[in-house]
Amino acid sequence: MTMEHTLTRRESEVMQLAAEGFTRAEIAEVMGISVDGVKQHLKRIYNRWTANNITHAVAIAVHEGICTP
């Protein structure tokens, strides 16, 4: 895993749930945070990885071994 692909524990949790097909609302419920909180985690991930969307971010995370589908 490259340094720029390193995530916080919470960001990793968001990515794992996204890889499993959870919606933003479902991720929020599971994590006990707001949908806006999920969006903020995703925004930070997109910016760090220059990902275009959640599908792109999940593809990077799976490729880097950060999460599994």
PDB file of N, CA and C in Angstrom:
ATOM      1  N   MET A   1       0.857  -1.176   0.000  1.00  0.00           N
ATOM      2  CA  MET A   1       0.000   0.000   0.000  1.00  0.00           C
ATOM      3  C   MET A   1       0.903   1.239   0.000  1.00  0.00           C
ATOM      4  N   THR A   2       0.601   2.159  -0.878  1.00  0.00           N
ATOM      5  CA  THR A   2       1.380   3.383  -0.933  1.00  0.00           C
ATOM      6  C   THR A   2       0.883   4.360   0.117  1.00  0.00           C
ATOM      7  N   MET A   3       1.758   5.269   0.515  1.00  0.00           N
ATOM      8  CA  MET A   3       1.418   6.207   1.578  1.00  0.00           C
ATOM      9  C   MET A   3       0.185   7.036   1.247  1.00  0.00           C
ATOM     10  N   GLU A   4       0.054   7.475  -0.013  1.00  0.00           N
ATOM     11  CA  GLU A   4      -1.098   8.305  -0.351  1.00  0.00           C
ATOM     12  C   GLU A   4      -2.410   7.533  -0.307  1.00  0.00           C
ATOM     13  N   HIS A   5      -2.334   6.210  -0.265  1.00  0.00           N
ATOM     14  CA  HIS A   5      -3.550   5.409  -0.182  1.00  0.00           C
ATOM     15  C   HIS A   5      -3.897   5.016   1.251  1.00  0.00           C
ATOM     16  N   THR A   6      -3.089   5.438   2.212  1.00  0.00           N
ATOM     17  CA  THR A   6      -3.350   5.149   3.614  1.00  0.00           C
ATOM     18  C   THR A   6      -4.611   5.879   4.071  1.00  0.00           C
ATOM     19  N   LEU A   7      -5.465   5.157   4.796  1.00  0.00           N
ATOM     20  CA  LEU A   7      -6.714   5.727   5.297  1.00  0.00           C
ATOM     21  C   LEU A   7      -6.758   5.651   6.815  1.00  0.00           C
ATOM     22  N   THR A   8      -7.572   6.510   7.402  1.00  0.00           N
ATOM     23  CA  THR A   8      -7.838   6.395   8.828  1.00  0.00           C
ATOM     24  C   THR A   8      -8.707   5.157   9.050  1.00  0.00           C
ATOM     25  N   ARG A   9      -8.833   4.761  10.291  1.00  0.00           N
ATOM     26  CA  ARG A   9      -9.669   3.596  10.611  1.00  0.00           C
ATOM     27  C   ARG A   9     -11.099   3.825  10.134  1.00  0.00           C
ATOM     28  N   ARG A  10     -11.642   5.007  10.376  1.00  0.00           N
ATOM     29  CA  ARG A  10     -13.036   5.299   9.986  1.00  0.00           C
ATOM     30  C   ARG A  10     -13.180   5.346   8.461  1.00  0.00           C
ATOM     31  N   GLU A  11     -12.197   5.931   7.776  1.00  0.00           N
ATOM     32  CA  GLU A  11     -12.240   5.954   6.313  1.00  0.00           C
ATOM     33  C   GLU A  11     -12.186   4.537   5.761  1.00  0.00           C
ATOM     34  N   SER A  12     -11.364   3.692   6.366  1.00  0.00           N
ATOM     35  CA  SER A  12     -11.285   2.286   5.939  1.00  0.00           C
ATOM     36  C   SER A  12     -12.620   1.586   6.142  1.00  0.00           C
ATOM     37  N   GLU A  13     -13.282   1.888   7.246  1.00  0.00           N
ATOM     38  CA  GLU A  13     -14.590   1.292   7.521  1.00  0.00           C
ATOM     39  C   GLU A  13     -15.614   1.735   6.474  1.00  0.00           C
ATOM     40  N   VAL A  14     -15.603   3.018   6.132  1.00  0.00           N
ATOM     41  CA  VAL A  14     -16.499   3.526   5.081  1.00  0.00           C
ATOM     42  C   VAL A  14     -16.230   2.789   3.774  1.00  0.00           C
ATOM     43  N   MET A  15     -14.966   2.648   3.416  1.00  0.00           N
ATOM     44  CA  MET A  15     -14.631   1.994   2.142  1.00  0.00           C
ATOM     45  C   MET A  15     -15.032   0.519   2.141  1.00  0.00           C
ATOM     46  N   GLN A  16     -14.837  -0.178   3.268  1.00  0.00           N
ATOM     47  CA  GLN A  16     -15.225  -1.584   3.325  1.00  0.00           C
ATOM     48  C   GLN A  16     -16.730  -1.734   3.141  1.00  0.00           C
ATOM     49  N   LEU A  17     -17.501  -0.912   3.822  1.00  0.00           N
ATOM     50  CA  LEU A  17     -18.962  -0.990   3.690  1.00  0.00           C
ATOM     51  C   LEU A  17     -19.400  -0.619   2.280  1.00  0.00           C
ATOM     52  N   ALA A  18     -18.763   0.378   1.689  1.00  0.00           N
ATOM     53  CA  ALA A  18     -19.074   0.749   0.303  1.00  0.00           C
ATOM     54  C   ALA A  18     -18.758  -0.406  -0.639  1.00  0.00           C
ATOM     55  N   ALA A  19     -17.634  -1.079  -0.414  1.00  0.00           N
ATOM     56  CA  ALA A  19     -17.246  -2.223  -1.253  1.00  0.00           C
ATOM     57  C   ALA A  19     -18.252  -3.363  -1.129  1.00  0.00           C
ATOM     58  N   GLU A  20     -18.894  -3.467   0.025  1.00  0.00           N
ATOM     59  CA  GLU A  20     -19.897  -4.507   0.241  1.00  0.00           C
ATOM     60  C   GLU A  20     -21.255  -4.118  -0.325  1.00  0.00           C
ATOM     61  N   GLY A  21     -21.345  -2.900  -0.881  1.00  0.00           N
ATOM     62  CA  GLY A  21     -22.574  -2.479  -1.536  1.00  0.00           C
ATOM     63  C   GLY A  21     -23.530  -1.658  -0.692  1.00  0.00           C
ATOM     64  N   PHE A  22     -23.091  -1.229   0.490  1.00  0.00           N
ATOM     65  CA  PHE A  22     -23.943  -0.405   1.342  1.00  0.00           C
ATOM     66  C   PHE A  22     -24.114   0.982   0.721  1.00  0.00           C
ATOM     67  N   THR A  23     -25.280   1.567   0.881  1.00  0.00           N
ATOM     68  CA  THR A  23     -25.512   2.943   0.445  1.00  0.00           C
ATOM     69  C   THR A  23     -24.918   3.892   1.479  1.00  0.00           C
ATOM     70  N   ARG A  24     -24.838   5.160   1.132  1.00  0.00           N
ATOM     71  CA  ARG A  24     -24.336   6.150   2.092  1.00  0.00           C
ATOM     72  C   ARG A  24     -25.196   6.151   3.360  1.00  0.00           C
ATOM     73  N   ALA A  25     -26.509   6.069   3.192  1.00  0.00           N
ATOM     74  CA  ALA A  25     -27.412   6.060   4.351  1.00  0.00           C
ATOM     75  C   ALA A  25     -27.183   4.815   5.211  1.00  0.00           C
ATOM     76  N   GLU A  26     -26.986   3.674   4.578  1.00  0.00           N
ATOM     77  CA  GLU A  26     -26.734   2.436   5.334  1.00  0.00           C
ATOM     78  C   GLU A  26     -25.391   2.497   6.054  1.00  0.00           C
ATOM     79  N   ILE A  27     -24.384   3.059   5.386  1.00  0.00           N
ATOM     80  CA  ILE A  27     -23.073   3.216   6.016  1.00  0.00           C
ATOM     81  C   ILE A  27     -23.207   4.095   7.257  1.00  0.00           C
ATOM     82  N   ALA A  28     -23.943   5.191   7.114  1.00  0.00           N
ATOM     83  CA  ALA A  28     -24.160   6.105   8.244  1.00  0.00           C
ATOM     84  C   ALA A  28     -24.809   5.384   9.410  1.00  0.00           C
ATOM     85  N   GLU A  29     -25.811   4.595   9.124  1.00  0.00           N
ATOM     86  CA  GLU A  29     -26.524   3.874  10.175  1.00  0.00           C
ATOM     87  C   GLU A  29     -25.605   2.875  10.879  1.00  0.00           C
ATOM     88  N   VAL A  30     -24.867   2.103  10.106  1.00  0.00           N
ATOM     89  CA  VAL A  30     -23.967   1.103  10.686  1.00  0.00           C
ATOM     90  C   VAL A  30     -22.885   1.766  11.543  1.00  0.00           C
ATOM     91  N   MET A  31     -22.359   2.891  11.058  1.00  0.00           N
ATOM     92  CA  MET A  31     -21.266   3.561  11.757  1.00  0.00           C
ATOM     93  C   MET A  31     -21.740   4.497  12.862  1.00  0.00           C
ATOM     94  N   GLY A  32     -23.042   4.765  12.907  1.00  0.00           N
ATOM     95  CA  GLY A  32     -23.572   5.646  13.928  1.00  0.00           C
ATOM     96  C   GLY A  32     -23.212   7.108  13.701  1.00  0.00           C
ATOM     97  N   ILE A  33     -23.122   7.491  12.415  1.00  0.00           N
ATOM     98  CA  ILE A  33     -22.836   8.877  12.065  1.00  0.00           C
ATOM     99  C   ILE A  33     -23.885   9.362  11.073  1.00  0.00           C
ATOM    100  N   SER A  34     -23.852  10.629  10.749  1.00  0.00           N
ATOM    101  CA  SER A  34     -24.814  11.176   9.789  1.00  0.00           C
ATOM    102  C   SER A  34     -24.378  10.854   8.360  1.00  0.00           C
ATOM    103  N   VAL A  35     -25.320  10.970   7.453  1.00  0.00           N
ATOM    104  CA  VAL A  35     -25.001  10.803   6.027  1.00  0.00           C
ATOM    105  C   VAL A  35     -23.977  11.864   5.620  1.00  0.00           C
ATOM    106  N   ASP A  36     -24.109  13.072   6.163  1.00  0.00           N
ATOM    107  CA  ASP A  36     -23.124  14.123   5.876  1.00  0.00           C
ATOM    108  C   ASP A  36     -21.729  13.719   6.360  1.00  0.00           C
ATOM    109  N   GLY A  37     -21.662  13.009   7.476  1.00  0.00           N
ATOM    110  CA  GLY A  37     -20.381  12.507   7.971  1.00  0.00           C
ATOM    111  C   GLY A  37     -19.764  11.515   6.999  1.00  0.00           C
ATOM    112  N   VAL A  38     -20.588  10.627   6.449  1.00  0.00           N
ATOM    113  CA  VAL A  38     -20.120   9.666   5.442  1.00  0.00           C
ATOM    114  C   VAL A  38     -19.618  10.429   4.220  1.00  0.00           C
ATOM    115  N   LYS A  39     -20.375  11.427   3.787  1.00  0.00           N
ATOM    116  CA  LYS A  39     -19.975  12.217   2.615  1.00  0.00           C
ATOM    117  C   LYS A  39     -18.641  12.914   2.855  1.00  0.00           C
ATOM    118  N   GLN A  40     -18.420  13.391   4.063  1.00  0.00           N
ATOM    119  CA  GLN A  40     -17.142  14.056   4.380  1.00  0.00           C
ATOM    120  C   GLN A  40     -15.977  13.062   4.333  1.00  0.00           C
ATOM    121  N   HIS A  41     -16.184  11.856   4.871  1.00  0.00           N
ATOM    122  CA  HIS A  41     -15.142  10.821   4.777  1.00  0.00           C
ATOM    123  C   HIS A  41     -14.842  10.528   3.312  1.00  0.00           C
ATOM    124  N   LEU A  42     -15.893  10.358   2.517  1.00  0.00           N
ATOM    125  CA  LEU A  42     -15.694  10.057   1.096  1.00  0.00           C
ATOM    126  C   LEU A  42     -15.006  11.194   0.369  1.00  0.00           C
ATOM    127  N   LYS A  43     -15.362  12.420   0.677  1.00  0.00           N
ATOM    128  CA  LYS A  43     -14.749  13.580   0.027  1.00  0.00           C
ATOM    129  C   LYS A  43     -13.245  13.609   0.292  1.00  0.00           C
ATOM    130  N   ARG A  44     -12.855  13.329   1.549  1.00  0.00           N
ATOM    131  CA  ARG A  44     -11.423  13.298   1.877  1.00  0.00           C
ATOM    132  C   ARG A  44     -10.710  12.187   1.111  1.00  0.00           C
ATOM    133  N   ILE A  45     -11.368  11.029   1.004  1.00  0.00           N
ATOM    134  CA  ILE A  45     -10.778   9.908   0.265  1.00  0.00           C
ATOM    135  C   ILE A  45     -10.644  10.278  -1.209  1.00  0.00           C
ATOM    136  N   TYR A  46     -11.701  10.818  -1.809  1.00  0.00           N
ATOM    137  CA  TYR A  46     -11.658  11.209  -3.229  1.00  0.00           C
ATOM    138  C   TYR A  46     -10.516  12.187  -3.475  1.00  0.00           C
ATOM    139  N   ASN A  47     -10.386  13.181  -2.620  1.00  0.00           N
ATOM    140  CA  ASN A  47      -9.335  14.187  -2.792  1.00  0.00           C
ATOM    141  C   ASN A  47      -7.945  13.574  -2.664  1.00  0.00           C
ATOM    142  N   ARG A  48      -7.762  12.720  -1.675  1.00  0.00           N
ATOM    143  CA  ARG A  48      -6.456  12.103  -1.448  1.00  0.00           C
ATOM    144  C   ARG A  48      -6.073  11.188  -2.610  1.00  0.00           C
ATOM    145  N   TRP A  49      -7.045  10.465  -3.135  1.00  0.00           N
ATOM    146  CA  TRP A  49      -6.781   9.482  -4.183  1.00  0.00           C
ATOM    147  C   TRP A  49      -7.074  10.001  -5.588  1.00  0.00           C
ATOM    148  N   THR A  50      -7.547  11.212  -5.691  1.00  0.00           N
ATOM    149  CA  THR A  50      -8.022  11.769  -6.965  1.00  0.00           C
ATOM    150  C   THR A  50      -9.025  10.832  -7.630  1.00  0.00           C
ATOM    151  N   ALA A  51      -9.908  10.285  -6.817  1.00  0.00           N
ATOM    152  CA  ALA A  51     -10.984   9.414  -7.313  1.00  0.00           C
ATOM    153  C   ALA A  51     -12.147  10.282  -7.775  1.00  0.00           C
ATOM    154  N   ASN A  52     -12.842   9.826  -8.798  1.00  0.00           N
ATOM    155  CA  ASN A  52     -13.954  10.576  -9.367  1.00  0.00           C
ATOM    156  C   ASN A  52     -15.273  10.323  -8.657  1.00  0.00           C
ATOM    157  N   ASN A  53     -15.411   9.127  -8.072  1.00  0.00           N
ATOM    158  CA  ASN A  53     -16.683   8.747  -7.452  1.00  0.00           C
ATOM    159  C   ASN A  53     -16.444   7.546  -6.546  1.00  0.00           C
ATOM    160  N   ILE A  54     -17.513   7.072  -5.927  1.00  0.00           N
ATOM    161  CA  ILE A  54     -17.377   5.968  -4.975  1.00  0.00           C
ATOM    162  C   ILE A  54     -16.922   4.673  -5.657  1.00  0.00           C
ATOM    163  N   THR A  55     -17.383   4.443  -6.876  1.00  0.00           N
ATOM    164  CA  THR A  55     -16.976   3.238  -7.600  1.00  0.00           C
ATOM    165  C   THR A  55     -15.478   3.255  -7.861  1.00  0.00           C
ATOM    166  N   HIS A  56     -14.967   4.399  -8.270  1.00  0.00           N
ATOM    167  CA  HIS A  56     -13.534   4.547  -8.511  1.00  0.00           C
ATOM    168  C   HIS A  56     -12.746   4.358  -7.214  1.00  0.00           C
ATOM    169  N   ALA A  57     -13.227   4.944  -6.128  1.00  0.00           N
ATOM    170  CA  ALA A  57     -12.555   4.812  -4.833  1.00  0.00           C
ATOM    171  C   ALA A  57     -12.545   3.358  -4.363  1.00  0.00           C
ATOM    172  N   VAL A  58     -13.659   2.657  -4.525  1.00  0.00           N
ATOM    173  CA  VAL A  58     -13.717   1.242  -4.134  1.00  0.00           C
ATOM    174  C   VAL A  58     -12.734   0.430  -4.975  1.00  0.00           C
ATOM    175  N   ALA A  59     -12.654   0.717  -6.267  1.00  0.00           N
ATOM    176  CA  ALA A  59     -11.712  -0.003  -7.129  1.00  0.00           C
ATOM    177  C   ALA A  59     -10.271   0.196  -6.647  1.00  0.00           C
ATOM    178  N   ILE A  60      -9.928   1.420  -6.279  1.00  0.00           N
ATOM    179  CA  ILE A  60      -8.582   1.694  -5.755  1.00  0.00           C
ATOM    180  C   ILE A  60      -8.369   0.936  -4.445  1.00  0.00           C
ATOM    181  N   ALA A  61      -9.352   0.991  -3.554  1.00  0.00           N
ATOM    182  CA  ALA A  61      -9.231   0.327  -2.252  1.00  0.00           C
ATOM    183  C   ALA A  61      -9.055  -1.179  -2.403  1.00  0.00           C
ATOM    184  N   VAL A  62      -9.798  -1.784  -3.303  1.00  0.00           N
ATOM    185  CA  VAL A  62      -9.683  -3.230  -3.531  1.00  0.00           C
ATOM    186  C   VAL A  62      -8.308  -3.539  -4.134  1.00  0.00           C
ATOM    187  N   HIS A  63      -7.901  -2.752  -5.111  1.00  0.00           N
ATOM    188  CA  HIS A  63      -6.595  -2.953  -5.756  1.00  0.00           C
ATOM    189  C   HIS A  63      -5.448  -2.840  -4.755  1.00  0.00           C
ATOM    190  N   GLU A  64      -5.568  -1.896  -3.826  1.00  0.00           N
ATOM    191  CA  GLU A  64      -4.518  -1.666  -2.824  1.00  0.00           C
ATOM    192  C   GLU A  64      -4.625  -2.628  -1.634  1.00  0.00           C
ATOM    193  N   GLY A  65      -5.661  -3.465  -1.609  1.00  0.00           N
ATOM    194  CA  GLY A  65      -5.819  -4.419  -0.511  1.00  0.00           C
ATOM    195  C   GLY A  65      -6.368  -3.810   0.759  1.00  0.00           C
ATOM    196  N   ILE A  66      -6.962  -2.622   0.639  1.00  0.00           N
ATOM    197  CA  ILE A  66      -7.518  -1.932   1.803  1.00  0.00           C
ATOM    198  C   ILE A  66      -8.838  -2.563   2.225  1.00  0.00           C
ATOM    199  N   CYS A  67      -9.583  -3.064   1.257  1.00  0.00           N
ATOM    200  CA  CYS A  67     -10.848  -3.730   1.561  1.00  0.00           C
ATOM    201  C   CYS A  67     -11.112  -4.815   0.521  1.00  0.00           C
ATOM    202  N   THR A  68     -12.113  -5.633   0.790  1.00  0.00           N
ATOM    203  CA  THR A  68     -12.486  -6.701  -0.123  1.00  0.00           C
ATOM    204  C   THR A  68     -13.948  -6.532  -0.522  1.00  0.00           C
ATOM    205  N   PRO A  69     -14.245  -6.873  -1.760  1.00  0.00           N
ATOM    206  CA  PRO A  69     -15.650  -6.727  -2.211  1.00  0.00           C
ATOM    207  C   PRO A  69     -16.557  -7.777  -1.594  1.00  0.00           C
TER     208      PRO A  69
END
